Amino acid sequence: MSRIRRSFLAQRIRSNRRKKTVKVQSQNHVKVDHVDRISALPNDLLCHILSFLPTKKAAATSILSTRWRYLFTSLRNIHLEFDHSLRRFDPNSGKKYVDIMGPNYQRFARLVDCCHQLILQRKPYCLRKFHLSLKEFLEIFRVAIDSLICAAICCGVQQLEVFVGLDRSNALSPPGILSCPAIFSCKTLVEMKLESRFTYFYVPETVSLPNLKILHLAQFILTDELSTPRLIQGCPVLIELYFDCLTYSEGEVLTLLIKSPSLEKIYLHCVTDEWDIVLDIPSAVNLECEVEGPSITSINAPKLQHLHFDGDAVEVNILPNHKSLVEARISVSCPYIVKTSDQEQLLRCEVAFELMNWSQSVVSLYLLDATVELLPTFEKLTYLELEVRKYYDKHTRSWKMLSWLPESAPNLQVLVFDEVFWDDRIESSAEDKKFEFLSAEPVPLCLPKHLREVKIRKFNGKEYEFKLIDYILQNVKALKKMTVGVLGHFGARSKILSLKRCNNDCQIVFT
């Protein structure tokens, strides 16, 4: 072989080897871009990303590079959580004690010191949110917590959240666990959420929160009647109020007054001992009121659109202007009754009827108990939902309401049963006999003629449930959809699908 030919072949071989090498590399390796694109983002965007992390985790990013070293100090949100307990068990005495020399207390001290410096390094009016969550509150925490809250307020904080799992300070006298007076005189606060499990709630004589729009107070014990009105009066632009409170039997609180011309949304949960509840809220649109314990409730809310009332009401007084109401959820129970008597049951029905009579303009109605034998007429009602409960020896039957639905809700289009019958202890044979009165009624008097959808969320496979579905399918000509939530009953679906329908276009859906 000539020298020229050997040189040509060697070049061909080397070229083929390079091609094979490149091909293998392209198959086994992906080209990696080593450019740090995240660090190239502007500080504002990086701080926005870090704001979704707890401050402790956001601070851990300082070790990534010099670019990230002090970035977390610019965060506008500070989120602190301390879920450790300082209480330890002493086997000698059999009791728990506060271990101020233990590792958990040292962790708390370091956390407070670090966060205090982090807040003080900021410029004024640059802190948007300050969140503090503690598993428990001890008296030795007071100075540290007050200093953190005061520092946050000095930085113009807009959202303040303080959550305490359990108060172990025995703060039975003012100022309670929230002894920082600046909380009730902050000019920059827009939203404040305070929650402390079973802690006595004290409000100073002077409250000035001119920009506060959202206020959440949860699990506090009221000690006097003037604290709540004084607090709300000091919030002239308050829009949303979440108030969860209770009293003790020896307290001096007899009346809970909530009066505000600006409030639009209220959630009120009270555990009471024969309170009078007065709600003077002329601008309110949404009201949720849950009362545990006998109460006399008075409501002035002429612009109310959504009402949820659930509780032990002895009496309910509502101003007559109710034309704006479009949705109501009503449940009235008997207070502190071990065995409901006929008189007490009548009282309950009267209160429920008064609430529903006040709600005749609603489009959607949720009745959490089908115990009222007679309802007012709801001309605009198109959606009705029935959720059945059991009260001691009183067994409610949601299907018995069908006999008066045409008169009470002539334009009803959607009917929802949470459950057809609540108590499984009743013999189905006895129930079948009581069900027969439905099929004996003329069809126009039993079901609204515009009813197009029926839904049963919990179907237990009882014979009377099949009869109810069969009756509806055969008699409601406008029915377009029947939805049944089958709870594991074998053969229920095929049996329901085999039932005859007066409207062949009616669709049966199982969930």
Protein backbone atom coordinates (compact mmCIF):
# COMPACT_ATOMS: atom_id res chain seq x y z
CA MET A 1 0.00 0.00 0.00
CA SER A 2 1.38 3.36 -1.01
CA ARG A 3 2.24 5.99 1.56
CA ILE A 4 -0.45 8.36 0.33
CA ARG A 5 -3.12 5.68 0.56
CA ARG A 6 -2.10 4.75 4.14
CA SER A 7 -2.26 8.42 5.17
CA PHE A 8 -5.74 8.79 3.67
CA LEU A 9 -7.07 5.71 5.44
CA ALA A 10 -5.65 6.89 8.78
CA GLN A 11 -7.47 10.21 8.42
CA ARG A 12 -10.73 8.37 7.63
CA ILE A 13 -10.34 6.19 10.73
CA ARG A 14 -9.63 9.17 13.01
CA SER A 15 -12.59 11.06 11.57
CA ASN A 16 -14.97 8.12 12.15
CA ARG A 17 -13.71 7.76 15.73
CA ARG A 18 -14.42 11.45 16.42
CA LYS A 19 -17.94 11.14 15.00
CA LYS A 20 -18.65 8.08 17.16
CA THR A 21 -17.34 9.85 20.24
CA VAL A 22 -19.48 12.91 19.59
CA LYS A 23 -22.53 10.69 19.01
CA VAL A 24 -22.00 8.76 22.26
CA GLN A 25 -21.53 12.00 24.20
CA SER A 26 -24.69 13.49 22.73
CA GLN A 27 -26.63 10.37 23.77
CA ASN A 28 -25.27 10.03 27.31
CA HIS A 29 -24.74 13.63 28.36
CA VAL A 30 -26.90 16.72 28.34
CA LYS A 31 -25.23 20.01 27.95
CA VAL A 32 -25.33 21.80 31.28
CA ASP A 33 -25.72 25.53 31.54
CA HIS A 34 -23.64 26.58 34.53
CA VAL A 35 -25.01 30.12 34.56
CA ASP A 36 -26.75 31.00 37.88
CA ARG A 37 -29.86 32.50 36.43
CA ILE A 38 -31.75 32.78 39.75
CA SER A 39 -29.05 34.96 41.30
CA ALA A 40 -29.24 37.20 38.27
CA LEU A 41 -32.81 38.16 39.11
CA PRO A 42 -33.38 41.57 40.71
CA ASN A 43 -33.48 41.84 44.50
CA ASP A 44 -37.18 42.70 44.63
CA LEU A 45 -38.12 39.52 42.80
CA LEU A 46 -35.81 37.35 44.92
CA CYS A 47 -37.22 38.86 48.11
CA HIS A 48 -40.72 38.15 46.86
CA ILE A 49 -39.78 34.48 46.38
CA LEU A 50 -38.17 34.25 49.81
CA SER A 51 -41.20 35.88 51.45
CA PHE A 52 -43.11 32.60 51.06
CA LEU A 53 -40.65 30.85 53.40
CA PRO A 54 -40.41 31.07 57.20
CA THR A 55 -37.74 33.55 58.20
CA LYS A 56 -35.51 30.78 59.57
CA LYS A 57 -35.45 28.97 56.22
CA ALA A 58 -35.05 32.21 54.29
CA ALA A 59 -32.01 33.06 56.43
CA ALA A 60 -30.46 29.69 55.51
CA THR A 61 -30.07 30.90 51.91
CA SER A 62 -27.33 33.29 53.10
CA ILE A 63 -24.76 30.49 52.76
CA LEU A 64 -25.41 30.03 49.03
CA SER A 65 -23.11 32.81 47.88
CA THR A 66 -22.07 36.37 48.64
CA ARG A 67 -24.96 37.49 46.42
CA TRP A 68 -27.42 35.89 48.87
CA ARG A 69 -25.58 36.64 52.12
CA TYR A 70 -27.65 39.63 53.27
CA LEU A 71 -30.60 39.25 50.92
CA PHE A 72 -32.95 37.83 53.56
CA THR A 73 -32.49 40.95 55.68
CA SER A 74 -34.49 42.89 53.07
CA LEU A 75 -37.58 40.71 53.36
CA ARG A 76 -40.75 42.65 54.00
CA ASN A 77 -42.36 39.65 55.75
CA ILE A 78 -41.03 38.15 58.99
CA HIS A 79 -42.42 34.76 59.95
CA LEU A 80 -41.31 33.35 63.33
CA GLU A 81 -42.36 30.02 64.78
CA PHE A 82 -41.26 28.44 68.06
CA ASP A 83 -42.91 25.07 68.58
CA HIS A 84 -40.71 23.81 71.43
CA SER A 85 -41.82 23.51 75.06
CA LEU A 86 -39.80 24.77 77.99
CA ARG A 87 -41.65 22.59 80.43
CA ARG A 88 -39.97 19.38 81.55
CA PHE A 89 -41.19 16.55 83.73
CA ASP A 90 -39.63 16.09 87.16
CA PRO A 91 -39.83 12.40 88.11
CA ASN A 92 -39.20 13.19 91.77
CA SER A 93 -42.15 15.53 92.25
CA GLY A 94 -44.27 14.12 89.44
CA LYS A 95 -44.87 17.64 88.10
CA LYS A 96 -43.66 19.75 85.19
CA TYR A 97 -41.42 22.75 85.64
CA VAL A 98 -39.94 25.48 83.44
CA ASP A 99 -36.36 24.68 82.51
CA ILE A 100 -34.74 28.04 81.81
CA MET A 101 -31.31 26.40 81.53
CA GLY A 102 -32.37 23.81 78.98
CA PRO A 103 -31.62 23.81 75.24
CA ASN A 104 -35.10 24.97 74.25
CA TYR A 105 -34.83 28.19 76.20
CA GLN A 106 -31.46 28.85 74.60
CA ARG A 107 -33.05 28.31 71.19
CA PHE A 108 -35.78 30.80 72.05
CA ALA A 109 -33.25 33.39 73.25
CA ARG A 110 -31.20 33.06 70.07
CA LEU A 111 -34.31 33.31 67.91
CA VAL A 112 -35.50 36.47 69.63
CA ASP A 113 -32.07 38.09 69.51
CA CYS A 114 -31.58 37.30 65.82
CA CYS A 115 -35.05 38.52 64.83
CA HIS A 116 -34.77 41.64 66.95
CA GLN A 117 -31.58 42.61 65.13
CA LEU A 118 -33.18 41.73 61.81
CA ILE A 119 -36.07 44.12 62.47
CA LEU A 120 -33.90 46.96 63.79
CA GLN A 121 -31.68 46.87 60.69
CA ARG A 122 -34.58 47.93 58.53
CA LYS A 123 -35.54 51.35 57.42
CA PRO A 124 -38.77 52.85 58.76
CA TYR A 125 -42.02 51.82 57.03
CA CYS A 126 -40.59 48.83 55.16
CA LEU A 127 -42.12 45.90 57.09
CA ARG A 128 -45.30 44.53 55.57
CA LYS A 129 -46.09 41.48 57.74
CA PHE A 130 -44.94 40.20 61.13
CA HIS A 131 -46.05 36.70 62.17
CA LEU A 132 -45.25 35.20 65.56
CA SER A 133 -46.38 31.71 66.55
CA LEU A 134 -45.67 30.14 69.96
CA LYS A 135 -46.58 26.70 71.23
CA GLU A 136 -47.06 28.17 74.70
CA PHE A 137 -46.72 31.50 76.47
CA LEU A 138 -44.72 31.83 79.68
CA GLU A 139 -44.20 34.90 81.82
CA ILE A 140 -40.47 34.85 81.01
CA PHE A 141 -41.41 35.40 77.33
CA ARG A 142 -43.23 38.68 77.99
CA VAL A 143 -40.37 41.18 77.64
CA ALA A 144 -38.96 39.47 74.55
CA ILE A 145 -42.32 39.27 72.77
CA ASP A 146 -43.24 42.85 73.62
CA SER A 147 -39.90 44.07 72.29
CA LEU A 148 -40.37 42.19 69.01
CA ILE A 149 -43.91 43.52 68.50
CA CYS A 150 -42.89 47.08 69.38
CA ALA A 151 -39.93 46.87 67.00
CA ALA A 152 -42.22 45.65 64.20
CA ILE A 153 -44.65 48.49 64.85
CA CYS A 154 -41.80 51.01 64.73
CA CYS A 155 -41.00 49.68 61.26
CA GLY A 156 -44.50 50.46 60.05
CA VAL A 157 -45.86 46.90 60.00
CA GLN A 158 -49.14 46.55 58.08
CA GLN A 159 -50.11 42.98 59.02
CA LEU A 160 -49.63 41.65 62.55
CA GLU A 161 -50.29 38.03 63.49
CA VAL A 162 -49.71 36.59 66.97
CA PHE A 163 -50.74 32.99 67.69
CA VAL A 164 -50.27 31.36 71.09
CA GLY A 165 -51.15 27.70 71.57
CA LEU A 166 -51.58 27.78 75.34
CA ASP A 167 -51.20 30.53 77.91
CA ARG A 168 -49.25 29.29 80.94
CA SER A 169 -48.53 32.72 82.41
CA ASN A 170 -51.66 32.80 84.61
CA ALA A 171 -52.22 36.37 83.40
CA LEU A 172 -55.58 36.77 85.13
CA SER A 173 -55.29 40.54 85.41
CA PRO A 174 -54.49 43.27 82.89
CA PRO A 175 -52.74 43.48 80.52
CA GLY A 176 -52.85 39.74 79.79
CA ILE A 177 -50.33 38.23 77.40
CA LEU A 178 -50.49 41.22 75.02
CA SER A 179 -48.98 43.90 77.22
CA CYS A 180 -47.46 45.97 74.40
CA PRO A 181 -49.63 49.13 74.37
CA ALA A 182 -48.50 50.01 70.85
CA ILE A 183 -50.69 47.20 69.46
CA PHE A 184 -53.79 49.28 70.11
CA SER A 185 -52.39 52.58 68.85
CA CYS A 186 -50.57 51.63 65.64
CA LYS A 187 -51.27 54.01 62.75
CA THR A 188 -50.00 51.68 60.01
CA LEU A 189 -51.81 48.44 60.86
CA VAL A 190 -54.25 47.30 58.19
CA GLU A 191 -54.75 43.71 59.34
CA MET A 192 -54.39 42.21 62.82
CA LYS A 193 -54.93 38.59 63.88
CA LEU A 194 -54.59 37.64 67.54
CA GLU A 195 -55.26 34.12 68.77
CA SER A 196 -54.57 32.72 72.21
CA ARG A 197 -56.24 29.64 73.60
CA PHE A 198 -58.47 30.53 76.57
CA THR A 199 -56.69 33.76 77.48
CA TYR A 200 -58.29 36.69 79.25
CA PHE A 201 -58.72 39.57 76.87
CA TYR A 202 -58.06 43.12 78.01
CA VAL A 203 -58.40 46.31 75.99
CA PRO A 204 -56.80 49.58 77.17
CA GLU A 205 -58.88 52.66 77.82
CA THR A 206 -57.70 54.30 74.59
CA VAL A 207 -57.72 52.51 71.23
CA SER A 208 -56.64 54.20 68.02
CA LEU A 209 -56.27 52.02 64.92
CA PRO A 210 -57.26 54.46 62.16
CA ASN A 211 -56.28 52.22 59.21
CA LEU A 212 -57.25 48.78 60.52
CA LYS A 213 -59.60 47.02 58.10
CA ILE A 214 -59.37 43.33 59.13
CA LEU A 215 -59.48 42.17 62.76
CA HIS A 216 -59.39 38.54 63.92
CA LEU A 217 -59.67 37.72 67.62
CA ALA A 218 -59.89 34.02 68.47
CA GLN A 219 -60.36 31.94 71.64
CA PHE A 220 -60.31 34.83 74.08
CA ILE A 221 -62.23 35.05 77.37
CA LEU A 222 -64.17 38.29 77.81
CA THR A 223 -63.98 39.87 81.25
CA ASP A 224 -66.15 42.96 80.85
CA GLU A 225 -68.80 44.44 78.56
CA LEU A 226 -66.91 47.58 77.55
CA SER A 227 -63.77 46.06 76.02
CA THR A 228 -65.38 44.94 72.77
CA PRO A 229 -67.27 48.22 72.01
CA ARG A 230 -64.17 50.22 72.93
CA LEU A 231 -61.97 48.19 70.59
CA ILE A 232 -64.37 48.38 67.63
CA GLN A 233 -65.01 52.08 68.18
CA GLY A 234 -61.26 52.66 67.87
CA CYS A 235 -61.30 51.10 64.37
CA PRO A 236 -63.27 53.61 62.25
CA VAL A 237 -62.63 51.88 58.88
CA LEU A 238 -62.99 48.26 60.02
CA ILE A 239 -64.47 46.09 57.25
CA GLU A 240 -64.00 42.49 58.42
CA LEU A 241 -64.35 41.11 61.96
CA TYR A 242 -63.70 37.55 63.10
CA PHE A 243 -64.60 37.27 66.78
CA ASP A 244 -64.37 33.99 68.70
CA CYS A 245 -64.96 34.42 72.42
CA LEU A 246 -66.39 32.87 75.55
CA THR A 247 -67.28 33.82 79.10
CA TYR A 248 -67.07 32.03 82.41
CA SER A 249 -69.96 31.49 84.80
CA GLU A 250 -68.79 34.09 87.35
CA GLY A 251 -68.10 36.81 84.79
CA GLU A 252 -69.74 40.19 84.57
CA VAL A 253 -70.53 40.05 80.85
CA LEU A 254 -74.28 40.06 80.24
CA THR A 255 -74.36 41.83 76.87
CA LEU A 256 -72.10 41.55 73.86
CA LEU A 257 -72.41 44.70 71.76
CA ILE A 258 -70.89 44.97 68.30
CA LYS A 259 -71.66 48.34 66.76
CA SER A 260 -69.88 49.63 63.68
CA PRO A 261 -71.08 51.67 60.69
CA SER A 262 -68.26 50.34 58.47
CA LEU A 263 -68.34 46.57 59.07
CA GLU A 264 -69.24 44.54 55.97
CA LYS A 265 -68.27 40.98 56.93
CA ILE A 266 -68.65 39.40 60.39
CA TYR A 267 -68.01 35.97 61.80
CA LEU A 268 -69.13 35.63 65.42
CA HIS A 269 -68.71 32.52 67.56
CA CYS A 270 -69.72 32.76 71.22
CA VAL A 271 -69.87 30.32 74.10
CA THR A 272 -72.19 32.12 76.48
CA ASP A 273 -74.02 31.97 79.76
CA GLU A 274 -77.33 33.67 78.95
CA TRP A 275 -75.97 36.59 76.95
CA ASP A 276 -77.78 39.31 75.11
CA ILE A 277 -76.10 39.69 71.73
CA VAL A 278 -76.66 43.02 69.97
CA LEU A 279 -75.35 43.47 66.43
CA ASP A 280 -75.77 47.00 65.08
CA ILE A 281 -74.09 46.66 61.68
CA PRO A 282 -75.95 48.74 59.06
CA SER A 283 -73.34 48.17 56.31
CA ALA A 284 -72.88 44.41 56.81
CA VAL A 285 -73.26 42.18 53.76
CA ASN A 286 -72.13 38.83 55.24
CA LEU A 287 -72.98 37.60 58.74
CA GLU A 288 -72.10 34.25 60.31
CA CYS A 289 -73.33 33.86 63.86
CA GLU A 290 -72.76 30.68 65.88
CA VAL A 291 -73.92 30.76 69.49
CA GLU A 292 -73.46 28.02 72.08
CA GLY A 293 -75.65 28.67 75.09
CA PRO A 294 -79.03 30.40 75.56
CA SER A 295 -79.08 33.89 74.10
CA ILE A 296 -81.33 36.69 72.96
CA THR A 297 -79.97 37.98 69.68
CA SER A 298 -80.83 41.34 68.10
CA ILE A 299 -79.65 42.13 64.57
CA ASN A 300 -79.75 45.43 62.69
CA ALA A 301 -78.37 44.75 59.22
CA PRO A 302 -80.55 46.29 56.49
CA LYS A 303 -78.00 45.58 53.71
CA LEU A 304 -77.38 41.94 54.63
CA GLN A 305 -77.11 39.55 51.68
CA HIS A 306 -75.70 36.35 53.23
CA LEU A 307 -76.84 35.07 56.63
CA HIS A 308 -75.60 32.01 58.53
CA PHE A 309 -77.24 31.53 61.92
CA ASP A 310 -76.51 28.43 63.97
CA GLY A 311 -77.06 28.30 67.69
CA ASP A 312 -79.06 28.07 70.88
CA ALA A 313 -81.35 31.03 70.45
CA VAL A 314 -84.11 31.72 72.94
CA GLU A 315 -85.22 34.77 70.98
CA VAL A 316 -84.14 36.49 67.76
CA ASN A 317 -85.08 40.08 66.99
CA ILE A 318 -84.37 41.37 63.50
CA LEU A 319 -85.29 44.70 61.97
CA PRO A 320 -87.87 44.25 59.22
CA ASN A 321 -85.80 45.50 56.26
CA HIS A 322 -84.69 42.23 54.67
CA LYS A 323 -85.20 42.67 50.93
CA SER A 324 -81.47 42.51 50.16
CA LEU A 325 -80.99 38.98 51.58
CA VAL A 326 -80.20 36.41 48.86
CA GLU A 327 -78.75 33.47 50.82
CA ALA A 328 -79.51 32.08 54.28
CA ARG A 329 -78.26 29.11 56.31
CA ILE A 330 -80.40 28.55 59.39
CA SER A 331 -80.16 26.10 62.29
CA VAL A 332 -81.78 26.69 65.67
CA SER A 333 -81.16 24.19 68.47
CA CYS A 334 -82.58 23.86 71.97
CA PRO A 335 -80.18 25.20 74.61
CA TYR A 336 -79.00 22.88 77.36
CA ILE A 337 -81.81 20.40 76.90
CA VAL A 338 -81.16 16.77 77.75
CA LYS A 339 -84.58 15.64 76.56
CA THR A 340 -86.48 18.02 74.33
CA SER A 341 -90.02 18.64 75.51
CA ASP A 342 -92.88 19.64 73.22
CA GLN A 343 -92.87 23.18 74.62
CA GLU A 344 -89.15 23.58 74.10
CA GLN A 345 -89.42 22.13 70.61
CA LEU A 346 -92.18 24.64 69.85
CA LEU A 347 -89.96 27.49 71.05
CA ARG A 348 -87.22 26.32 68.77
CA CYS A 349 -89.59 26.13 65.82
CA GLU A 350 -90.89 29.63 66.53
CA VAL A 351 -87.38 31.07 66.52
CA ALA A 352 -86.52 29.21 63.32
CA PHE A 353 -89.76 30.35 61.69
CA GLU A 354 -89.02 33.96 62.64
CA LEU A 355 -85.59 33.73 61.02
CA MET A 356 -87.01 32.16 57.88
CA ASN A 357 -89.88 34.61 57.76
CA TRP A 358 -87.28 37.37 57.80
CA SER A 359 -85.46 35.58 54.94
CA GLN A 360 -88.29 35.34 52.41
CA SER A 361 -86.32 37.19 49.74
CA VAL A 362 -83.55 34.57 49.56
CA VAL A 363 -82.63 32.73 46.38
CA SER A 364 -80.60 30.03 48.19
CA LEU A 365 -81.65 28.52 51.52
CA TYR A 366 -79.79 26.01 53.70
CA LEU A 367 -81.82 24.46 56.51
CA LEU A 368 -79.63 22.53 58.88
CA ASP A 369 -82.63 20.83 60.48
CA ALA A 370 -85.88 19.70 58.94
CA THR A 371 -87.90 20.16 62.12
CA VAL A 372 -90.23 22.98 61.15
CA GLU A 373 -93.58 21.70 60.01
CA LEU A 374 -94.51 24.96 58.29
CA LEU A 375 -92.46 27.44 56.33
CA PRO A 376 -93.27 30.89 54.99
CA THR A 377 -93.49 31.35 51.26
CA PHE A 378 -90.21 31.89 49.43
CA GLU A 379 -91.23 33.27 46.04
CA LYS A 380 -87.63 33.75 44.81
CA LEU A 381 -86.18 30.54 46.23
CA THR A 382 -84.54 28.36 43.58
CA TYR A 383 -82.02 26.38 45.69
CA LEU A 384 -82.86 24.49 48.89
CA GLU A 385 -80.44 22.33 50.87
CA LEU A 386 -81.49 20.21 53.84
CA GLU A 387 -78.96 18.91 56.34
CA VAL A 388 -80.50 16.64 58.95
CA ARG A 389 -79.33 16.36 62.54
CA LYS A 390 -80.48 14.33 65.50
CA TYR A 391 -81.52 15.90 68.80
CA TYR A 392 -81.65 13.26 71.51
CA ASP A 393 -84.92 11.30 71.11
CA LYS A 394 -86.24 13.50 68.31
CA HIS A 395 -85.72 11.88 64.90
CA THR A 396 -86.04 14.19 61.94
CA ARG A 397 -87.14 13.05 58.50
CA SER A 398 -86.05 15.31 55.68
CA TRP A 399 -88.38 13.77 53.13
CA LYS A 400 -91.52 14.82 55.04
CA MET A 401 -90.85 18.41 53.93
CA LEU A 402 -91.81 17.45 50.37
CA SER A 403 -95.51 17.68 51.19
CA TRP A 404 -95.39 21.46 51.68
CA LEU A 405 -92.59 22.43 49.27
CA PRO A 406 -94.94 23.45 46.44
CA GLU A 407 -96.58 26.10 48.63
CA SER A 408 -93.43 27.26 50.43
CA ALA A 409 -91.09 27.20 47.42
CA PRO A 410 -93.17 27.23 44.23
CA ASN A 411 -90.20 28.17 42.00
CA LEU A 412 -87.69 25.72 43.47
CA GLN A 413 -85.30 24.29 40.88
CA VAL A 414 -82.58 22.49 42.90
CA LEU A 415 -83.23 20.35 45.99
CA VAL A 416 -80.33 18.85 47.96
CA PHE A 417 -80.60 16.28 50.76
CA ASP A 418 -77.52 15.85 52.88
CA GLU A 419 -79.09 12.59 54.06
CA VAL A 420 -82.61 11.25 53.71
CA PHE A 421 -82.77 9.87 57.23
CA TRP A 422 -80.31 10.36 60.06
CA ASP A 423 -80.94 7.56 62.59
CA ASP A 424 -80.28 4.01 61.41
CA ARG A 425 -81.83 2.52 64.56
CA ILE A 426 -85.38 3.10 63.32
CA GLU A 427 -86.78 -0.04 61.69
CA SER A 428 -87.19 0.39 57.96
CA SER A 429 -90.57 -1.37 58.04
CA ALA A 430 -92.01 1.28 60.34
CA GLU A 431 -90.48 3.97 58.18
CA ASP A 432 -92.03 2.49 55.05
CA LYS A 433 -95.51 2.91 56.54
CA LYS A 434 -94.82 6.56 57.37
CA PHE A 435 -93.53 7.09 53.85
CA GLU A 436 -96.79 6.01 52.28
CA PHE A 437 -98.44 9.40 53.00
CA LEU A 438 -96.27 10.97 50.31
CA SER A 439 -97.45 8.78 47.48
CA ALA A 440 -101.05 9.26 48.62
CA GLU A 441 -100.88 13.01 47.94
CA PRO A 442 -101.79 14.37 44.50
CA VAL A 443 -98.70 15.06 42.43
CA PRO A 444 -99.19 18.85 42.04
CA LEU A 445 -99.31 19.22 45.83
CA CYS A 446 -96.17 17.20 46.57
CA LEU A 447 -93.30 18.57 44.53
CA PRO A 448 -92.59 21.92 42.86
CA LYS A 449 -93.31 21.79 39.16
CA HIS A 450 -90.08 23.62 38.24
CA LEU A 451 -87.81 21.17 40.10
CA ARG A 452 -85.07 20.14 37.68
CA GLU A 453 -82.31 18.73 39.90
CA VAL A 454 -82.29 16.58 43.05
CA LYS A 455 -79.18 15.53 44.92
CA ILE A 456 -78.74 13.05 47.80
CA ARG A 457 -75.22 13.29 49.19
CA LYS A 458 -75.33 10.26 51.52
CA PHE A 459 -77.32 7.31 50.27
CA ASN A 460 -77.34 4.45 52.81
CA GLY A 461 -79.24 1.87 50.79
CA LYS A 462 -82.40 1.83 52.95
CA GLU A 463 -85.64 0.73 51.37
CA TYR A 464 -87.37 4.05 52.04
CA GLU A 465 -84.50 5.82 50.23
CA PHE A 466 -85.13 3.73 47.12
CA LYS A 467 -88.85 4.53 47.40
CA LEU A 468 -88.14 8.24 47.66
CA ILE A 469 -85.93 8.20 44.55
CA ASP A 470 -88.51 6.10 42.70
CA TYR A 471 -91.26 8.54 43.66
CA ILE A 472 -89.27 11.56 42.48
CA LEU A 473 -88.26 9.95 39.18
CA GLN A 474 -91.83 8.98 38.37
CA ASN A 475 -93.55 12.23 39.35
CA VAL A 476 -91.24 15.17 38.61
CA LYS A 477 -91.62 15.80 34.89
CA ALA A 478 -89.15 18.70 34.77
CA LEU A 479 -86.35 16.70 36.43
CA LYS A 480 -83.15 16.80 34.39
CA LYS A 481 -80.61 15.36 36.84
CA MET A 482 -80.63 13.05 39.86
CA THR A 483 -77.32 12.81 41.75
CA VAL A 484 -76.84 10.07 44.36
CA GLY A 485 -73.84 9.63 46.65
CA VAL A 486 -73.78 5.85 47.20
CA LEU A 487 -71.97 4.82 50.39
CA GLY A 488 -70.72 1.37 49.46
CA HIS A 489 -74.13 -0.31 49.16
CA PHE A 490 -73.75 -3.29 46.83
CA GLY A 491 -76.21 -3.31 43.97
CA ALA A 492 -77.65 0.12 44.74
CA ARG A 493 -76.52 1.67 41.46
CA SER A 494 -78.06 -0.98 39.23
CA LYS A 495 -81.29 -0.90 41.22
CA ILE A 496 -81.58 2.89 40.92
CA LEU A 497 -80.79 2.79 37.20
CA SER A 498 -83.58 0.24 36.72
CA LEU A 499 -86.22 2.60 38.15
CA LYS A 500 -88.72 4.11 35.73
CA ARG A 501 -88.56 7.81 34.88
CA CYS A 502 -91.35 10.04 33.67
CA ASN A 503 -88.72 12.15 31.85
CA ASN A 504 -86.52 10.00 29.64
CA ASP A 505 -83.98 12.82 29.41
CA CYS A 506 -83.34 12.71 33.15
CA GLN A 507 -79.70 11.86 33.88
CA ILE A 508 -78.72 9.76 36.95
CA VAL A 509 -75.23 10.49 38.28
CA PHE A 510 -73.42 8.60 41.07
CA THR A 511 -70.72 10.15 43.23
